[in-house]
């Protein structure tokens, strides 16, 4: 069993401030795919700081409406959830050798966490092959993928789910960047055993500091997850802000239009500058360049 090295991530702008001697307010951080037009956080009542969080605050019901499923759990960030996946699947799949299929060019915490949990890894490019699907116990799809922006259509995901279900294998879909175009989400199908969808709150709403996300899955999986969650997993201020944001359809619709417009403008600027069409979604654009490191350093110096 070989272990995957822990990857480095975006953010950490303070280290670049120190390295290049440019004040923090002069930086535009494009490394994390977080909406820069954050949901407005108005004044919070004092009780959200004083009182313990309550499961009866209406957040779960609002989240069920937003994520189009009554079978979900709220978690302290999708990254936290990824770290808990080996434990959840260990109890679900038993002691047999477990093989996980993950995209090769993607968010590398999946490979890291599953390898640390003792799972065997296999990698695929954009779409897993039939042979790979026949040999895995868990297939991870990041949709749209980060950094490629590749989006598997719903009908193809449902075909993969059916293929895996015939072998009692599981499909896990990470939809951290789906909120700009939620019609492509698999969360509405999550009553099916063997289907898990991870949703991020912080990216679309631009409030990554809240550390909140959702896991949409069948009840048996959520029962195993509850063992890791424990009481008061999401702090009270985060619950209050999330309840308001998930219910605010006007802001959501306006923001989707704005993000799609801004993302297309960024794509056009990149193509104009480098004569290469980028790939991405409403929250990021990716450009593959031979001299990417030099471009990165040049931008940092500005």
Protein backbone atom coordinates (compact mmCIF):
# COMPACT_ATOMS: atom_id res chain seq x y z
CA UNK A 1 0.00 0.00 0.00
CA UNK A 2 1.51 3.33 -1.11
CA UNK A 3 0.37 6.62 0.37
CA UNK A 4 -0.36 9.81 -1.54
CA UNK A 5 1.45 12.94 -0.34
CA UNK A 6 -0.75 15.64 1.17
CA UNK A 7 -1.39 18.25 -1.55
CA UNK A 8 -0.95 21.99 -1.28
CA UNK A 9 -4.01 24.19 -1.80
CA UNK A 10 -4.94 27.69 -2.85
CA UNK A 11 -5.46 30.62 -0.53
CA UNK A 12 -2.74 31.48 2.00
CA UNK A 13 -2.36 34.93 0.44
CA UNK A 14 -0.41 36.10 3.50
CA UNK A 15 2.57 34.04 2.39
CA UNK A 16 2.57 35.85 -0.97
CA UNK A 17 2.20 39.22 0.73
CA UNK A 18 5.37 38.45 2.65
CA UNK A 19 7.24 37.01 -0.34
CA UNK A 20 6.52 39.84 -2.79
CA UNK A 21 6.15 42.75 -0.36
CA UNK A 22 2.72 43.80 -1.72
CA UNK A 23 -0.07 44.73 0.76
CA UNK A 24 -2.97 42.26 1.19
CA UNK A 25 -5.58 44.69 -0.13
CA UNK A 26 -3.74 44.83 -3.47
CA UNK A 27 -4.17 41.10 -4.16
CA UNK A 28 -6.91 39.38 -6.18
CA UNK A 29 -6.96 35.72 -5.12
CA UNK A 30 -7.97 33.48 -8.03
CA UNK A 31 -6.70 30.27 -6.45
CA UNK A 32 -9.74 28.91 -4.64
CA UNK A 33 -12.80 29.29 -6.90
CA UNK A 34 -14.69 31.21 -4.23
CA UNK A 35 -17.31 33.76 -5.30
CA UNK A 36 -15.80 37.23 -4.60
CA UNK A 37 -19.34 38.68 -4.45
CA UNK A 38 -20.13 37.27 -1.00
CA UNK A 39 -23.62 36.91 0.41
CA UNK A 40 -24.19 40.00 2.59
CA UNK A 41 -23.94 39.12 6.27
CA UNK A 42 -26.14 41.51 8.20
CA UNK A 43 -25.98 42.06 11.95
CA UNK A 44 -26.57 38.84 13.87
CA UNK A 45 -28.70 38.70 17.03
CA UNK A 46 -26.77 38.24 20.26
CA UNK A 47 -28.33 34.83 20.93
CA UNK A 48 -26.39 33.22 18.06
CA UNK A 49 -23.21 34.01 19.98
CA UNK A 50 -24.59 33.24 23.43
CA UNK A 51 -26.71 30.10 22.88
CA UNK A 52 -25.77 26.65 21.71
CA UNK A 53 -26.93 25.80 18.17
CA UNK A 54 -30.36 24.23 17.84
CA UNK A 55 -31.45 21.62 15.31
CA UNK A 56 -34.91 23.21 15.44
CA UNK A 57 -33.85 26.55 13.87
CA UNK A 58 -35.31 25.81 10.43
CA UNK A 59 -31.95 25.42 8.68
CA UNK A 60 -32.41 21.76 7.79
CA UNK A 61 -35.78 22.39 6.13
CA UNK A 62 -34.40 25.31 4.10
CA UNK A 63 -31.39 23.19 3.08
CA UNK A 64 -33.66 20.34 2.00
CA UNK A 65 -35.45 22.74 -0.31
CA UNK A 66 -32.24 24.23 -1.70
CA UNK A 67 -30.58 20.86 -2.32
CA UNK A 68 -33.81 19.24 -3.59
CA UNK A 69 -33.62 16.32 -1.18
CA UNK A 70 -35.03 15.40 2.20
CA UNK A 71 -32.20 12.95 2.84
CA UNK A 72 -29.19 15.06 3.80
CA UNK A 73 -26.88 16.05 6.62
CA UNK A 74 -25.20 19.39 7.20
CA UNK A 75 -21.47 19.15 7.90
CA UNK A 76 -18.68 21.59 8.87
CA UNK A 77 -17.38 21.95 5.32
CA UNK A 78 -17.02 19.57 2.38
CA UNK A 79 -13.29 19.17 3.15
CA UNK A 80 -14.19 17.83 6.59
CA UNK A 81 -16.55 15.39 4.89
CA UNK A 82 -13.83 14.13 2.55
CA UNK A 83 -11.66 13.34 5.58
CA UNK A 84 -14.50 11.25 7.05
CA UNK A 85 -15.20 9.21 3.92
CA UNK A 86 -12.80 6.34 4.71
CA UNK A 87 -14.47 5.82 8.10
CA UNK A 88 -17.96 5.88 6.59
CA UNK A 89 -17.09 3.45 3.81
CA UNK A 90 -15.08 1.19 6.13
CA UNK A 91 -18.20 0.45 8.14
CA UNK A 92 -20.34 0.28 5.00
CA UNK A 93 -18.16 -2.06 2.92
CA UNK A 94 -16.64 -4.18 5.69
CA UNK A 95 -13.14 -5.62 5.90
CA UNK A 96 -12.63 -6.57 2.25
CA UNK A 97 -9.96 -4.86 0.15
CA UNK A 98 -11.54 -1.68 -1.18
CA UNK A 99 -10.71 0.03 -4.47
CA UNK A 100 -11.54 3.70 -5.07
CA UNK A 101 -11.64 5.25 -8.53
CA UNK A 102 -10.74 8.96 -8.58
CA UNK A 103 -10.13 11.50 -11.37
CA UNK A 104 -6.41 11.92 -12.07
CA UNK A 105 -6.47 15.69 -12.61
CA UNK A 106 -8.65 16.97 -9.79
CA UNK A 107 -8.91 17.95 -6.14
CA UNK A 108 -6.27 15.67 -4.65
CA UNK A 109 -7.65 15.40 -1.12
CA UNK A 110 -9.70 12.40 -2.25
CA UNK A 111 -6.62 10.41 -3.20
CA UNK A 112 -4.82 11.54 -0.05
CA UNK A 113 -7.61 10.73 2.41
CA UNK A 114 -8.53 7.38 0.88
CA UNK A 115 -4.88 6.32 0.70
CA UNK A 116 -4.43 7.26 4.36
CA UNK A 117 -7.47 5.10 5.13
CA UNK A 118 -5.86 2.08 3.50
CA UNK A 119 -7.96 2.05 0.33
CA UNK A 120 -6.46 1.06 -3.04
CA UNK A 121 -6.55 3.82 -5.67
CA UNK A 122 -7.16 3.77 -9.39
CA UNK A 123 -7.21 6.90 -11.59
CA UNK A 124 -9.12 7.92 -14.71
CA UNK A 125 -8.98 10.91 -17.05
CA UNK A 126 -12.31 12.55 -17.90
CA UNK A 127 -14.61 9.50 -17.89
CA UNK A 128 -13.97 6.15 -16.15
CA UNK A 129 -13.81 3.14 -18.46
CA UNK A 130 -16.21 0.19 -18.21
CA UNK A 131 -13.33 -1.98 -17.01
CA UNK A 132 -12.50 0.48 -14.22
CA UNK A 133 -16.13 0.66 -13.14
CA UNK A 134 -16.22 -3.13 -12.99
CA UNK A 135 -13.28 -3.21 -10.58
CA UNK A 136 -14.01 -0.38 -8.15
CA UNK A 137 -16.05 -0.27 -4.95
CA UNK A 138 -16.34 3.54 -4.98
CA UNK A 139 -16.21 5.85 -7.99
CA UNK A 140 -15.55 9.54 -7.26
CA UNK A 141 -16.72 12.10 -9.85
CA UNK A 142 -16.05 15.83 -9.36
CA UNK A 143 -18.70 17.64 -11.38
CA UNK A 144 -17.77 20.12 -12.73
CA UNK A 145 -14.20 19.01 -12.26
CA UNK A 146 -11.65 21.34 -10.73
CA UNK A 147 -9.39 22.38 -12.42
CA UNK A 148 -10.49 21.15 -15.87
CA UNK A 149 -14.07 22.43 -15.71
CA UNK A 150 -15.25 19.21 -17.39
CA UNK A 151 -18.92 18.51 -16.70
CA UNK A 152 -20.44 15.04 -17.04
CA UNK A 153 -24.10 15.30 -18.12
CA UNK A 154 -26.80 13.91 -15.85
CA UNK A 155 -27.76 11.05 -18.15
CA UNK A 156 -24.17 9.80 -18.21
CA UNK A 157 -23.87 10.02 -14.43
CA UNK A 158 -27.10 8.06 -14.06
CA UNK A 159 -25.71 5.39 -16.40
CA UNK A 160 -22.57 5.14 -14.25
CA UNK A 161 -24.77 4.91 -11.14
CA UNK A 162 -26.80 2.07 -12.67
CA UNK A 163 -23.62 0.23 -13.71
CA UNK A 164 -22.19 0.49 -10.20
CA UNK A 165 -25.47 -0.42 -8.50
CA UNK A 166 -25.54 -3.72 -10.36
CA UNK A 167 -22.36 -4.61 -8.41
CA UNK A 168 -23.38 -2.96 -5.10
CA UNK A 169 -20.67 -0.33 -5.67
CA UNK A 170 -21.05 3.36 -4.79
CA UNK A 171 -20.98 6.59 -6.79
CA UNK A 172 -19.78 9.72 -4.98
CA UNK A 173 -20.32 13.02 -6.80
CA UNK A 174 -18.55 16.15 -5.56
CA UNK A 175 -20.61 19.16 -6.68
CA UNK A 176 -18.64 21.93 -4.99
CA UNK A 177 -18.97 24.15 -8.10
CA UNK A 178 -22.44 23.12 -9.31
CA UNK A 179 -24.47 25.91 -7.64
CA UNK A 180 -24.04 28.32 -10.54
CA UNK A 181 -25.92 25.82 -12.76
CA UNK A 182 -27.87 23.65 -10.28
CA UNK A 183 -29.98 21.93 -12.96
CA UNK A 184 -26.97 19.62 -13.45
CA UNK A 185 -27.02 18.43 -9.82
CA UNK A 186 -27.48 14.76 -8.89
CA UNK A 187 -28.77 15.60 -5.42
CA UNK A 188 -32.41 15.04 -6.40
CA UNK A 189 -31.63 11.34 -7.00
CA UNK A 190 -30.00 10.72 -3.64
CA UNK A 191 -32.73 8.55 -2.20
CA UNK A 192 -31.00 5.72 -4.09
CA UNK A 193 -28.67 3.50 -2.04
CA UNK A 194 -25.10 3.80 -3.27
CA UNK A 195 -25.31 7.47 -4.33
CA UNK A 196 -23.63 10.23 -2.29
CA UNK A 197 -23.45 13.89 -3.31
CA UNK A 198 -21.21 16.43 -1.58
CA UNK A 199 -22.21 20.09 -1.76
CA UNK A 200 -20.12 23.08 -0.72
CA UNK A 201 -21.76 26.16 0.81
CA UNK A 202 -18.77 28.49 0.93
CA UNK A 203 -17.85 28.67 -2.77
CA UNK A 204 -21.09 29.89 -4.35
CA UNK A 205 -22.13 32.05 -1.41
CA UNK A 206 -18.59 33.41 -1.02
CA UNK A 207 -18.47 32.53 2.68
CA UNK A 208 -15.85 29.80 2.88
CA UNK A 209 -14.90 30.92 6.38
CA UNK A 210 -18.20 29.56 7.73
CA UNK A 211 -17.00 25.98 7.04
CA UNK A 212 -20.32 24.45 6.09
CA UNK A 213 -21.45 21.95 3.51
CA UNK A 214 -24.06 19.28 2.88
CA UNK A 215 -23.98 15.55 2.26
CA UNK A 216 -26.94 14.20 0.32
CA UNK A 217 -27.23 10.41 0.54
CA UNK A 218 -29.47 7.51 1.46
CA UNK A 219 -30.39 7.14 5.16
CA UNK A 220 -28.02 4.21 5.82
CA UNK A 221 -25.00 6.29 4.85
CA UNK A 222 -26.20 9.31 6.85
CA UNK A 223 -26.58 7.11 9.94
CA UNK A 224 -22.90 6.17 9.72
CA UNK A 225 -21.96 9.80 9.17
CA UNK A 226 -23.88 10.86 12.30
CA UNK A 227 -21.37 8.92 14.41
CA UNK A 228 -18.64 11.33 13.30
CA UNK A 229 -20.73 14.50 13.48
CA UNK A 230 -21.77 14.49 17.12
CA UNK A 231 -23.66 17.44 18.67
CA UNK A 232 -23.26 21.08 17.56
CA UNK A 233 -21.14 20.22 14.53
CA UNK A 234 -21.97 23.57 12.88
CA UNK A 235 -21.63 26.70 14.98
CA UNK A 236 -24.65 28.88 15.71
CA UNK A 237 -23.62 31.99 13.66
CA UNK A 238 -22.90 29.77 10.64
CA UNK A 239 -26.32 28.13 10.94
CA UNK A 240 -28.08 31.52 11.08
CA UNK A 241 -26.21 32.94 8.08
CA UNK A 242 -26.66 29.76 6.05
CA UNK A 243 -30.39 29.64 6.79
CA UNK A 244 -30.79 33.18 5.42
CA UNK A 245 -28.60 32.56 2.36
CA UNK A 246 -30.15 29.24 1.35
CA UNK A 247 -33.63 30.81 1.51
CA UNK A 248 -32.72 33.94 -0.47
CA UNK A 249 -33.74 32.94 -4.00
CA UNK A 250 -33.55 36.51 -5.32
CA UNK A 251 -29.87 36.82 -4.36
CA UNK A 252 -29.15 33.33 -5.71
CA UNK A 253 -30.66 34.04 -9.13
CA UNK A 254 -28.97 37.42 -9.45
CA UNK A 255 -25.64 35.92 -8.41
CA UNK A 256 -25.85 33.08 -10.94
CA UNK A 257 -26.37 35.60 -13.72
CA UNK A 258 -23.53 37.78 -12.44
CA UNK A 259 -21.07 34.89 -12.03
CA UNK A 260 -21.78 33.44 -15.46
CA UNK A 261 -21.28 36.90 -17.00
CA UNK A 262 -18.05 37.57 -15.09
CA UNK A 263 -16.68 34.09 -15.81
CA UNK A 264 -17.34 34.48 -19.53
CA UNK A 265 -15.62 37.88 -19.47
CA UNK A 266 -12.60 36.29 -17.79
CA UNK A 267 -12.57 33.49 -20.37
CA UNK A 268 -12.68 36.03 -23.21
CA UNK A 269 -9.81 38.04 -21.68
CA UNK A 270 -7.68 34.93 -21.26
CA UNK A 271 -8.30 33.80 -24.82
CA UNK A 272 -7.51 37.29 -26.12
CA UNK A 273 -4.27 37.42 -24.12
CA UNK A 274 -2.95 33.90 -24.76
CA UNK A 275 -4.82 32.79 -27.92
CA UNK A 276 -5.92 29.63 -26.08
CA UNK A 277 -9.51 28.91 -25.05
CA UNK A 278 -9.75 28.26 -21.29
CA UNK A 279 -12.07 25.71 -19.67
CA UNK A 280 -14.06 26.27 -16.53
CA UNK A 281 -17.43 27.11 -15.02
CA UNK A 282 -19.11 30.06 -13.33
CA UNK A 283 -16.61 30.05 -10.46
CA UNK A 284 -13.26 29.57 -12.22
CA UNK A 285 -11.46 29.38 -15.56
CA UNK A 286 -8.43 27.19 -16.24
CA UNK A 287 -5.78 27.90 -18.84
CA UNK A 288 -3.13 25.29 -19.71
CA UNK A 289 0.16 26.97 -20.61
CA UNK A 290 3.68 25.70 -21.20
CA UNK A 291 5.00 28.76 -19.35
CA UNK A 292 2.40 28.79 -16.58
CA UNK A 293 4.93 29.19 -13.76
CA UNK A 294 6.47 32.27 -15.37
CA UNK A 295 3.01 33.79 -15.93
CA UNK A 296 2.08 33.07 -12.31
CA UNK A 297 5.22 34.77 -11.00
CA UNK A 298 4.77 37.71 -13.33
CA UNK A 299 1.20 38.29 -12.10
CA UNK A 300 2.36 38.01 -8.47
CA UNK A 301 4.86 40.84 -9.00
CA UNK A 302 2.11 43.21 -10.24
